[in-house]
Amino acid sequence: MEGVHILITSIDELEMLCGQTLHSFNDVELSVQQLIEQGVRQIIVNCGEAGLCMSGHTQPPFWLSAPALPLREKTKDAFIAGIIYAQNKTISLTDQATYGVALAELSLGNSSTYDLEKYREQRDECAKKLLKIGYKE
């Protein structure tokens, strides 16, 4: 994994990369850390309705709640483009996520603001969603 600057993956792909089935919120974070230790500098895991898990070589994993399905489908490319754009501006994953969300909202023509702190504080809610879709503690 040396030389991989950013890895954007689904939860199913993460399971394949790590060679194990992920049963819990914690398993996702441990698998992300495993890939960081193998040389990936930054990783974003799409966990569907449970949200996104983001981590980097200098920052521990954090979760970003997923928007409603229609919004996820319409803006996912814009969200990732915003993150990639922000990598040249900041090393902060939180700031990168903010850029991603801002670009996704702009792609919909929506001028509302996005409260990242609100979503960072919803870690427990993300865990519940992950468990609800079949992952077990």
Protein backbone atom coordinates (compact mmCIF):
# COMPACT_ATOMS: atom_id res chain seq x y z
CA MET A 1 0.00 0.00 0.00
CA GLU A 2 3.04 2.29 -0.03
CA GLY A 3 2.51 5.20 -2.38
CA VAL A 4 -1.29 5.20 -2.07
CA HIS A 5 -2.17 8.76 -1.17
CA ILE A 6 -5.97 8.48 -0.96
CA LEU A 7 -8.06 5.30 -0.98
CA ILE A 8 -11.81 5.63 -1.47
CA THR A 9 -13.53 2.31 -0.86
CA SER A 10 -16.82 0.69 0.02
CA ILE A 11 -17.23 -1.35 3.16
CA ASP A 12 -17.30 -4.54 1.04
CA GLU A 13 -14.01 -3.60 -0.61
CA LEU A 14 -12.53 -2.84 2.81
CA GLU A 15 -13.44 -6.36 3.92
CA MET A 16 -11.65 -7.80 0.88
CA LEU A 17 -8.58 -5.62 1.37
CA CYS A 18 -8.28 -6.61 5.03
CA GLY A 19 -9.26 -10.25 4.53
CA GLN A 20 -11.93 -10.29 7.22
CA THR A 21 -15.62 -9.76 7.73
CA LEU A 22 -16.45 -6.54 9.55
CA HIS A 23 -19.05 -6.99 12.27
CA SER A 24 -18.94 -3.72 14.16
CA PHE A 25 -18.29 -0.04 14.05
CA ASN A 26 -14.99 -0.69 15.80
CA ASP A 27 -14.01 -3.32 13.19
CA VAL A 28 -14.28 -0.67 10.46
CA GLU A 29 -11.99 1.67 12.38
CA LEU A 30 -9.47 -1.10 13.10
CA SER A 31 -9.41 -2.11 9.43
CA VAL A 32 -8.90 1.51 8.40
CA GLN A 33 -5.99 1.77 10.86
CA GLN A 34 -4.53 -1.44 9.42
CA LEU A 35 -4.44 0.10 5.94
CA ILE A 36 -2.95 3.33 7.30
CA GLU A 37 -0.20 1.26 8.93
CA GLN A 38 0.41 -0.42 5.54
CA GLY A 39 1.15 2.95 3.98
CA VAL A 40 -2.15 4.45 2.83
CA ARG A 41 -1.97 8.16 3.68
CA GLN A 42 -5.73 8.79 3.73
CA ILE A 43 -8.78 6.54 3.47
CA ILE A 44 -12.50 7.15 3.03
CA VAL A 45 -14.86 4.22 3.53
CA ASN A 46 -18.42 4.46 2.27
CA CYS A 47 -20.54 2.55 4.80
CA GLY A 48 -23.85 3.30 3.10
CA GLU A 49 -26.52 4.62 5.42
CA ALA A 50 -24.08 4.37 8.34
CA GLY A 51 -22.05 7.20 6.80
CA LEU A 52 -18.41 7.65 5.89
CA CYS A 53 -15.42 6.70 7.95
CA MET A 54 -12.43 8.92 7.21
CA SER A 55 -8.88 8.60 8.51
CA GLY A 56 -5.37 9.73 7.68
CA HIS A 57 -1.85 8.98 8.73
CA THR A 58 -1.91 11.92 11.14
CA GLN A 59 -5.56 11.78 12.21
CA PRO A 60 -7.63 9.04 13.86
CA PRO A 61 -10.82 7.78 12.20
CA PHE A 62 -13.92 9.93 12.41
CA TRP A 63 -17.42 9.39 11.08
CA LEU A 64 -19.54 11.64 8.92
CA SER A 65 -23.25 10.87 8.84
CA ALA A 66 -24.69 9.98 5.47
CA PRO A 67 -27.28 12.22 3.89
CA ALA A 68 -30.55 10.74 2.63
CA LEU A 69 -30.18 8.24 -0.22
CA PRO A 70 -31.27 10.52 -3.09
CA LEU A 71 -28.73 13.13 -2.00
CA ARG A 72 -25.97 10.50 -1.65
CA GLU A 73 -26.59 9.25 -5.17
CA LYS A 74 -26.73 12.69 -6.75
CA THR A 75 -23.67 14.21 -5.09
CA LYS A 76 -21.12 11.49 -4.32
CA ASP A 77 -18.74 12.48 -7.15
CA ALA A 78 -18.92 16.15 -6.15
CA PHE A 79 -18.25 15.23 -2.51
CA ILE A 80 -15.12 13.26 -3.38
CA ALA A 81 -13.96 15.99 -5.79
CA GLY A 82 -14.25 18.51 -2.97
CA ILE A 83 -12.11 16.35 -0.70
CA ILE A 84 -9.45 15.89 -3.35
CA TYR A 85 -9.45 19.62 -4.08
CA ALA A 86 -9.07 20.41 -0.38
CA GLN A 87 -6.06 18.13 0.01
CA ASN A 88 -3.94 20.83 -1.61
CA LYS A 89 -5.26 23.38 0.88
CA THR A 90 -5.34 21.55 4.24
CA ILE A 91 -4.25 18.32 5.89
CA SER A 92 -7.24 18.37 8.22
CA LEU A 93 -9.72 15.62 7.34
CA THR A 94 -12.47 17.63 8.98
CA ASP A 95 -11.74 20.60 6.72
CA GLN A 96 -11.51 18.32 3.69
CA ALA A 97 -14.92 16.86 4.52
CA THR A 98 -16.28 20.39 4.82
CA TYR A 99 -15.02 21.22 1.32
CA GLY A 100 -16.54 17.98 0.03
CA VAL A 101 -19.94 18.71 1.52
CA ALA A 102 -19.83 22.32 0.30
CA LEU A 103 -19.11 21.20 -3.27
CA ALA A 104 -21.84 18.53 -3.07
CA GLU A 105 -24.34 21.15 -1.94
CA LEU A 106 -23.23 23.55 -4.68
CA SER A 107 -23.72 20.80 -7.24
CA LEU A 108 -27.38 20.70 -6.20
CA GLY A 109 -27.72 24.46 -6.28
CA ASN A 110 -28.31 24.47 -2.53
CA SER A 111 -26.97 27.45 -0.58
CA SER A 112 -27.57 26.03 2.89
CA THR A 113 -24.73 25.64 5.35
CA TYR A 114 -23.41 22.36 6.67
CA ASP A 115 -22.70 21.95 10.37
CA LEU A 116 -19.86 19.43 10.46
CA GLU A 117 -19.68 19.53 14.27
CA LYS A 118 -23.27 18.32 14.42
CA TYR A 119 -22.37 15.29 12.33
CA ARG A 120 -19.11 14.57 14.11
CA GLU A 121 -21.08 14.43 17.36
CA GLN A 122 -23.38 11.75 15.92
CA ARG A 123 -20.85 8.94 16.27
CA ASP A 124 -23.23 6.83 18.36
CA GLU A 125 -25.99 7.31 15.79
CA CYS A 126 -23.63 6.13 13.03
CA ALA A 127 -22.81 3.06 15.10
CA LYS A 128 -26.50 2.26 15.52
CA LYS A 129 -27.06 2.56 11.77
CA LEU A 130 -24.11 0.27 11.09
CA LEU A 131 -25.51 -2.32 13.48
CA LYS A 132 -28.99 -1.92 11.95
CA ILE A 133 -27.75 -2.85 8.47
CA GLY A 134 -26.26 -6.09 9.68
CA TYR A 135 -22.97 -5.44 11.47
CA LYS A 136 -22.71 -6.89 14.92
CA GLU A 137 -20.75 -5.83 18.03
